[in-house]
Amino acid sequence: MKRLSRWFWVGLLSVLFTTGVGSMEIGAQDKYPSRAIDIICPFAAGGSTDLIARITAAFLNKKWGVPINVVNKPGGNTVPACMEIYRANPDGYTLLADGNPSSSMVGIVMKSIPFKVMDRTFLGMIGQAPHVPIVAASSPFTSLKDLEAEAKKSSESFTWTSLGGASIQDYVIRQFLKAIGVDVLKTKPVMSQGGSQAVTLTAGGHVKMGTATTSSALPAIKGGMVRPLAITSPTRWPDLPDVATTAELGYPTITGVQWNGISGPPNLPAPVIEKWNKDLQEMLKDPDAISNLKNVGASPFFHDTRQFREFVLKQTEEVAILWGLK
């Protein structure tokens, strides 16, 4: 009996240990998030991508009760920031403040990158923000037609703000130069690390043409440091009602808008994807979050994980055409 009893208890303890630990592990996995989350931003603080990431972090911090840190890692055409998530554990605690540059553009603009864009997990799209072509307040150019004439006359000295190639700034200015028949390779991009720096370069007269999201440009516009020449939205923007759209001004193909979303490493667990989808949708119905997005020049625009992926694929094709690769 003693022998039977011993094996009985050994077996029982084994079952309890296995099922108990397994249950605890499953419970821990199901409780997401249970610790701090890092959202890696590919651009400097103060730009549209950074600001929208911080609005998202603030809303979810309040809802989830865990720290959500926005970590700025600008430069390298977004590649260093992207690599942070490809190296990260697929547990939802290291994510990317995603947008056109780091998804639909980087794989086209860069000759080779150490990851496959479409391998990542697209969690949800948050909002969109139009761009504003701008010049310094002291600039002799007062319209897009003036810039068109200058670019055609002196393309070799036509300077403009660039974030290194894989950026919506580059996208919009390439759209402009293509629309007026000027070879972008004959012009001179001037590099900056983010939208706010691009505005500073423009305001200081260091470039002939700049472009930025409304969030980055609006303070300088209101402060009289730069002059807005157009806006790329389909309709006029409420904060700049006197600024005509590019289509109204005769440039219907200049349509580049910045979108922002959250993505993560490949193979994120389904519960993590579902939680982000659900709570991002909730955020975009929250009056305070909507107001905060409006204050930085963005409007709510939600795509779930499937729609987000399809959107990126479609825009990648558009970028390839614009860069002359298709």
Protein backbone atom coordinates (compact mmCIF):
# COMPACT_ATOMS: atom_id res chain seq x y z
CA MET A 1 0.00 0.00 0.00
CA LYS A 2 2.84 2.40 0.79
CA ARG A 3 4.24 1.89 -2.70
CA LEU A 4 0.85 2.44 -4.29
CA SER A 5 0.29 5.51 -2.21
CA ARG A 6 3.65 6.95 -3.14
CA TRP A 7 3.03 6.58 -6.89
CA PHE A 8 -0.49 7.90 -6.46
CA TRP A 9 0.79 11.09 -4.87
CA VAL A 10 3.60 11.44 -7.38
CA GLY A 11 1.10 11.18 -10.22
CA LEU A 12 -1.34 13.52 -8.57
CA LEU A 13 1.31 16.14 -7.90
CA SER A 14 2.52 15.81 -11.49
CA VAL A 15 -0.97 16.44 -12.83
CA LEU A 16 -1.53 19.38 -10.49
CA PHE A 17 1.85 20.91 -11.36
CA THR A 18 1.33 20.53 -15.10
CA THR A 19 -2.22 21.84 -15.23
CA GLY A 20 -1.60 24.51 -12.64
CA VAL A 21 1.48 25.96 -14.28
CA GLY A 22 -0.10 25.69 -17.71
CA SER A 23 -3.16 27.55 -16.49
CA MET A 24 -1.01 30.23 -14.92
CA GLU A 25 0.94 30.68 -18.17
CA ILE A 26 -2.20 30.89 -20.26
CA GLY A 27 -3.68 33.36 -17.81
CA ALA A 28 -0.53 35.50 -17.99
CA GLN A 29 -0.60 35.43 -21.79
CA ASP A 30 -4.27 36.32 -21.89
CA LYS A 31 -3.78 39.33 -19.61
CA TYR A 32 -2.39 41.76 -22.13
CA PRO A 33 -0.96 44.21 -21.46
CA SER A 34 0.51 43.56 -18.04
CA ARG A 35 3.63 45.75 -18.30
CA ALA A 36 5.03 48.76 -20.12
CA ILE A 37 4.77 48.99 -23.91
CA ASP A 38 7.30 50.80 -26.12
CA ILE A 39 6.06 52.41 -29.33
CA ILE A 40 9.06 53.13 -31.55
CA CYS A 41 8.68 56.32 -33.60
CA PRO A 42 10.86 56.58 -36.75
CA PHE A 43 10.91 60.40 -36.58
CA ALA A 44 11.96 63.13 -34.20
CA ALA A 45 9.70 64.49 -31.48
CA GLY A 46 7.20 67.15 -32.53
CA GLY A 47 6.23 65.79 -35.93
CA SER A 48 2.87 64.36 -36.87
CA THR A 49 3.87 60.70 -36.40
CA ASP A 50 5.24 61.45 -32.94
CA LEU A 51 2.24 63.51 -31.85
CA ILE A 52 -0.34 60.96 -33.02
CA ALA A 53 1.60 58.17 -31.31
CA ARG A 54 1.54 60.17 -28.06
CA ILE A 55 -2.20 60.79 -28.32
CA THR A 56 -2.69 57.04 -28.78
CA ALA A 57 -0.35 56.24 -25.89
CA ALA A 58 -2.14 58.64 -23.55
CA PHE A 59 -5.59 57.19 -24.33
CA LEU A 60 -4.48 53.57 -23.93
CA ASN A 61 -2.43 54.31 -20.82
CA LYS A 62 -5.58 55.58 -19.18
CA LYS A 63 -7.62 52.62 -20.41
CA TRP A 64 -5.10 49.84 -19.80
CA GLY A 65 -3.32 51.19 -16.73
CA VAL A 66 0.21 50.43 -17.96
CA PRO A 67 2.95 52.83 -19.13
CA ILE A 68 3.08 53.29 -22.89
CA ASN A 69 6.31 54.96 -23.94
CA VAL A 70 6.91 56.67 -27.27
CA VAL A 71 10.59 56.19 -28.11
CA ASN A 72 11.96 58.39 -30.92
CA LYS A 73 14.55 56.77 -33.21
CA PRO A 74 14.79 59.06 -36.26
CA GLY A 75 17.04 58.68 -39.27
CA GLY A 76 18.07 56.02 -41.74
CA ASN A 77 14.88 56.29 -43.81
CA THR A 78 12.99 54.65 -40.89
CA VAL A 79 15.05 51.44 -41.18
CA PRO A 80 16.62 51.56 -37.66
CA ALA A 81 13.22 52.11 -36.04
CA CYS A 82 11.66 49.32 -38.10
CA MET A 83 14.45 46.95 -37.13
CA GLU A 84 13.56 47.44 -33.47
CA ILE A 85 10.27 45.66 -34.00
CA TYR A 86 11.66 42.91 -36.21
CA ARG A 87 14.17 42.10 -33.44
CA ALA A 88 11.53 42.27 -30.72
CA ASN A 89 9.69 39.35 -29.16
CA PRO A 90 6.27 38.90 -30.81
CA ASP A 91 4.42 39.64 -27.58
CA GLY A 92 2.97 43.10 -28.25
CA TYR A 93 5.31 45.04 -25.96
CA THR A 94 7.48 46.60 -28.70
CA LEU A 95 5.49 48.19 -31.51
CA LEU A 96 5.96 50.73 -34.30
CA ALA A 97 4.35 54.11 -34.89
CA ASP A 98 3.77 53.25 -38.52
CA GLY A 99 3.01 55.39 -41.54
CA ASN A 100 3.63 55.78 -45.28
CA PRO A 101 7.43 56.11 -44.93
CA SER A 102 8.01 53.01 -42.82
CA SER A 103 5.64 50.74 -44.74
CA SER A 104 4.55 51.58 -48.27
CA MET A 105 7.66 53.65 -49.08
CA VAL A 106 10.76 52.19 -47.45
CA GLY A 107 10.81 48.98 -49.47
CA ILE A 108 10.63 50.93 -52.73
CA VAL A 109 12.87 53.90 -51.92
CA MET A 110 15.68 51.87 -50.35
CA LYS A 111 17.61 49.56 -52.65
CA SER A 112 17.80 46.87 -49.99
CA ILE A 113 16.42 46.60 -46.49
CA PRO A 114 17.07 43.90 -43.87
CA PHE A 115 13.41 42.93 -43.48
CA LYS A 116 10.23 42.31 -45.46
CA VAL A 117 7.66 45.01 -44.85
CA MET A 118 4.68 42.72 -45.35
CA ASP A 119 5.96 40.26 -42.74
CA ARG A 120 5.03 42.65 -39.94
CA THR A 121 1.69 42.60 -38.15
CA PHE A 122 -0.49 45.58 -39.05
CA LEU A 123 -2.60 46.29 -35.97
CA GLY A 124 -4.72 49.26 -36.95
CA MET A 125 -4.73 52.59 -38.79
CA ILE A 126 -5.54 55.64 -36.67
CA GLY A 127 -5.74 58.80 -38.74
CA GLN A 128 -4.81 60.82 -41.79
CA ALA A 129 -3.30 64.28 -42.15
CA PRO A 130 -2.97 66.34 -45.35
CA HIS A 131 0.23 68.12 -46.32
CA VAL A 132 0.78 71.81 -46.84
CA PRO A 133 3.33 73.02 -49.41
CA ILE A 134 5.00 76.02 -47.75
CA VAL A 135 7.60 78.71 -48.38
CA ALA A 136 9.33 81.16 -46.05
CA ALA A 137 7.31 84.25 -45.19
CA SER A 138 10.02 86.32 -46.88
CA SER A 139 10.02 84.17 -50.04
CA PRO A 140 9.30 85.88 -53.37
CA PHE A 141 7.13 82.88 -54.30
CA THR A 142 3.48 83.37 -53.46
CA SER A 143 1.85 80.46 -55.29
CA LEU A 144 2.46 76.98 -56.63
CA LYS A 145 2.59 78.54 -60.09
CA ASP A 146 5.54 80.67 -58.93
CA LEU A 147 7.32 77.55 -57.67
CA GLU A 148 6.53 75.76 -60.92
CA ALA A 149 8.12 78.55 -62.92
CA GLU A 150 11.19 78.58 -60.66
CA ALA A 151 11.65 74.80 -60.80
CA LYS A 152 11.42 74.82 -64.58
CA LYS A 153 13.80 77.76 -64.93
CA SER A 154 16.44 76.68 -62.40
CA SER A 155 15.92 73.02 -61.52
CA GLU A 156 19.56 72.54 -60.47
CA SER A 157 19.18 75.15 -57.73
CA PHE A 158 15.62 74.24 -56.76
CA THR A 159 15.90 73.17 -53.10
CA TRP A 160 13.25 71.38 -51.06
CA THR A 161 12.84 69.62 -47.72
CA SER A 162 13.44 65.87 -47.65
CA LEU A 163 13.42 63.31 -44.86
CA GLY A 164 15.84 61.11 -46.76
CA GLY A 165 13.61 59.66 -49.45
CA ALA A 166 11.16 57.43 -47.61
CA SER A 167 8.87 60.19 -46.39
CA ILE A 168 5.57 61.74 -47.28
CA GLN A 169 7.45 65.05 -47.75
CA ASP A 170 9.44 63.45 -50.57
CA TYR A 171 6.26 61.84 -51.91
CA VAL A 172 4.36 65.15 -52.14
CA ILE A 173 7.24 67.07 -53.71
CA ARG A 174 7.85 64.27 -56.21
CA GLN A 175 4.16 64.48 -57.09
CA PHE A 176 4.57 68.23 -57.63
CA LEU A 177 7.72 67.90 -59.77
CA LYS A 178 6.19 65.09 -61.83
CA ALA A 179 3.04 67.16 -62.40
CA ILE A 180 5.07 70.05 -63.80
CA GLY A 181 7.45 67.87 -65.81
CA VAL A 182 10.66 68.52 -63.85
CA ASP A 183 13.15 65.69 -63.24
CA VAL A 184 13.47 65.31 -59.47
CA LEU A 185 17.04 64.04 -59.90
CA LYS A 186 18.08 67.46 -61.20
CA THR A 187 16.80 69.24 -58.09
CA LYS A 188 18.38 69.53 -54.62
CA PRO A 189 16.77 67.92 -51.59
CA VAL A 190 17.86 69.25 -48.19
CA MET A 191 17.72 66.64 -45.44
CA SER A 192 15.90 66.95 -42.13
CA GLN A 193 14.99 64.42 -39.44
CA GLY A 194 11.34 65.27 -38.99
CA GLY A 195 8.43 67.45 -40.02
CA SER A 196 9.12 70.14 -37.42
CA GLN A 197 12.72 70.47 -38.58
CA ALA A 198 11.56 70.68 -42.20
CA VAL A 199 9.35 73.63 -41.24
CA THR A 200 12.29 75.30 -39.47
CA LEU A 201 14.47 74.90 -42.57
CA THR A 202 11.74 76.42 -44.72
CA ALA A 203 11.06 79.30 -42.34
CA GLY A 204 14.76 80.13 -42.30
CA GLY A 205 14.91 80.38 -46.09
CA HIS A 206 17.24 77.38 -46.40
CA VAL A 207 15.01 75.82 -49.08
CA LYS A 208 12.79 77.23 -51.79
CA MET A 209 9.96 74.79 -51.07
CA GLY A 210 8.94 72.83 -48.04
CA THR A 211 6.02 70.65 -47.17
CA ALA A 212 4.68 69.41 -43.86
CA THR A 213 1.56 68.09 -42.22
CA THR A 214 -0.84 70.66 -40.86
CA SER A 215 0.24 69.72 -37.31
CA SER A 216 3.88 70.54 -38.05
CA ALA A 217 3.18 73.60 -40.19
CA LEU A 218 0.28 75.28 -38.37
CA PRO A 219 2.26 76.96 -35.54
CA ALA A 220 4.70 78.47 -38.05
CA ILE A 221 1.84 79.52 -40.32
CA LYS A 222 -0.01 81.22 -37.45
CA GLY A 223 3.24 82.78 -36.28
CA GLY A 224 3.83 84.32 -39.69
CA MET A 225 7.08 82.41 -40.29
CA VAL A 226 5.94 80.44 -43.34
CA ARG A 227 3.36 80.97 -46.06
CA PRO A 228 1.01 78.09 -47.02
CA LEU A 229 0.46 77.71 -50.75
CA ALA A 230 -2.00 74.81 -50.92
CA ILE A 231 -3.29 71.78 -49.06
CA THR A 232 -3.39 68.20 -50.34
CA SER A 233 -6.73 67.23 -48.80
CA PRO A 234 -9.75 66.60 -51.08
CA THR A 235 -11.55 69.54 -49.45
CA ARG A 236 -10.36 72.66 -47.64
CA TRP A 237 -9.07 72.16 -44.11
CA PRO A 238 -11.04 73.77 -41.24
CA ASP A 239 -7.94 75.30 -39.63
CA LEU A 240 -6.82 76.82 -42.95
CA PRO A 241 -10.09 77.74 -44.68
CA ASP A 242 -8.44 80.30 -46.97
CA VAL A 243 -5.87 77.84 -48.32
CA ALA A 244 -7.02 76.24 -51.57
CA THR A 245 -6.63 72.54 -52.28
CA THR A 246 -4.08 71.37 -54.82
CA ALA A 247 -6.95 70.25 -57.05
CA GLU A 248 -8.55 73.69 -56.92
CA LEU A 249 -5.25 75.21 -58.00
CA GLY A 250 -4.94 72.97 -61.03
CA TYR A 251 -2.73 70.20 -59.57
CA PRO A 252 -5.16 67.29 -59.11
CA THR A 253 -2.40 64.66 -58.99
CA ILE A 254 -0.80 66.15 -55.85
CA THR A 255 -2.76 64.12 -53.34
CA GLY A 256 -0.23 62.85 -50.79
CA VAL A 257 -1.56 62.65 -47.25
CA GLN A 258 0.16 61.17 -44.25
CA TRP A 259 -1.54 58.32 -42.48
CA ASN A 260 -0.56 56.85 -39.14
CA GLY A 261 -1.15 53.51 -37.48
CA ILE A 262 0.38 50.92 -35.19
CA SER A 263 2.18 47.78 -36.35
CA GLY A 264 4.28 45.15 -34.66
CA PRO A 265 6.60 42.20 -35.13
CA PRO A 266 5.65 39.27 -37.35
CA ASN A 267 3.38 36.64 -35.82
CA LEU A 268 1.78 38.66 -33.04
CA PRO A 269 -0.76 36.55 -31.10
CA ALA A 270 -4.39 36.89 -32.14
CA PRO A 271 -5.52 38.22 -28.70
CA VAL A 272 -3.03 41.10 -29.01
CA ILE A 273 -4.26 41.95 -32.52
CA GLU A 274 -7.89 41.79 -31.40
CA LYS A 275 -7.26 44.03 -28.39
CA TRP A 276 -5.55 46.72 -30.46
CA ASN A 277 -8.26 46.56 -33.13
CA LYS A 278 -11.01 46.87 -30.55
CA ASP A 279 -9.48 49.63 -28.46
CA LEU A 280 -8.22 51.73 -31.37
CA GLN A 281 -11.77 51.75 -32.71
CA GLU A 282 -12.96 52.84 -29.28
CA MET A 283 -10.36 55.60 -29.17
CA LEU A 284 -11.51 56.98 -32.52
CA LYS A 285 -15.02 57.35 -31.12
CA ASP A 286 -13.86 59.17 -28.00
CA PRO A 287 -14.58 62.93 -28.16
CA ASP A 288 -11.36 63.87 -26.37
CA ALA A 289 -9.21 61.68 -28.62
CA ILE A 290 -10.94 63.07 -31.73
CA SER A 291 -10.34 66.60 -30.47
CA ASN A 292 -6.68 65.84 -29.75
CA LEU A 293 -6.20 64.42 -33.25
CA LYS A 294 -7.83 67.51 -34.74
CA ASN A 295 -5.51 69.72 -32.70
CA VAL A 296 -2.49 68.11 -34.39
CA GLY A 297 -4.03 68.37 -37.85
CA ALA A 298 -5.30 64.81 -38.25
CA SER A 299 -8.72 63.28 -38.73
CA PRO A 300 -9.76 59.83 -37.45
CA PHE A 301 -9.40 57.14 -40.08
CA PHE A 302 -9.62 53.52 -38.93
CA HIS A 303 -8.59 50.40 -40.80
CA ASP A 304 -8.50 47.03 -39.08
CA THR A 305 -5.58 44.65 -39.51
CA ARG A 306 -6.84 43.22 -42.83
CA GLN A 307 -7.82 46.58 -44.33
CA PHE A 308 -4.53 48.09 -43.14
CA ARG A 309 -2.50 45.41 -44.93
CA GLU A 310 -4.49 45.84 -48.17
CA PHE A 311 -4.05 49.62 -47.98
CA VAL A 312 -0.25 49.30 -47.65
CA LEU A 313 -0.04 46.92 -50.59
CA LYS A 314 -2.02 49.29 -52.81
CA GLN A 315 0.00 52.34 -51.84
CA THR A 316 3.27 50.48 -52.38
CA GLU A 317 2.25 50.09 -56.02
CA GLU A 318 1.57 53.84 -56.25
CA VAL A 319 4.97 54.67 -54.75
CA ALA A 320 6.74 52.36 -57.22
CA ILE A 321 5.10 54.23 -60.11
CA LEU A 322 5.99 57.64 -58.67
CA TRP A 323 9.63 56.60 -58.16
CA GLY A 324 9.76 55.43 -61.78
CA LEU A 325 10.13 51.74 -60.95
CA LYS A 326 6.94 50.61 -62.72
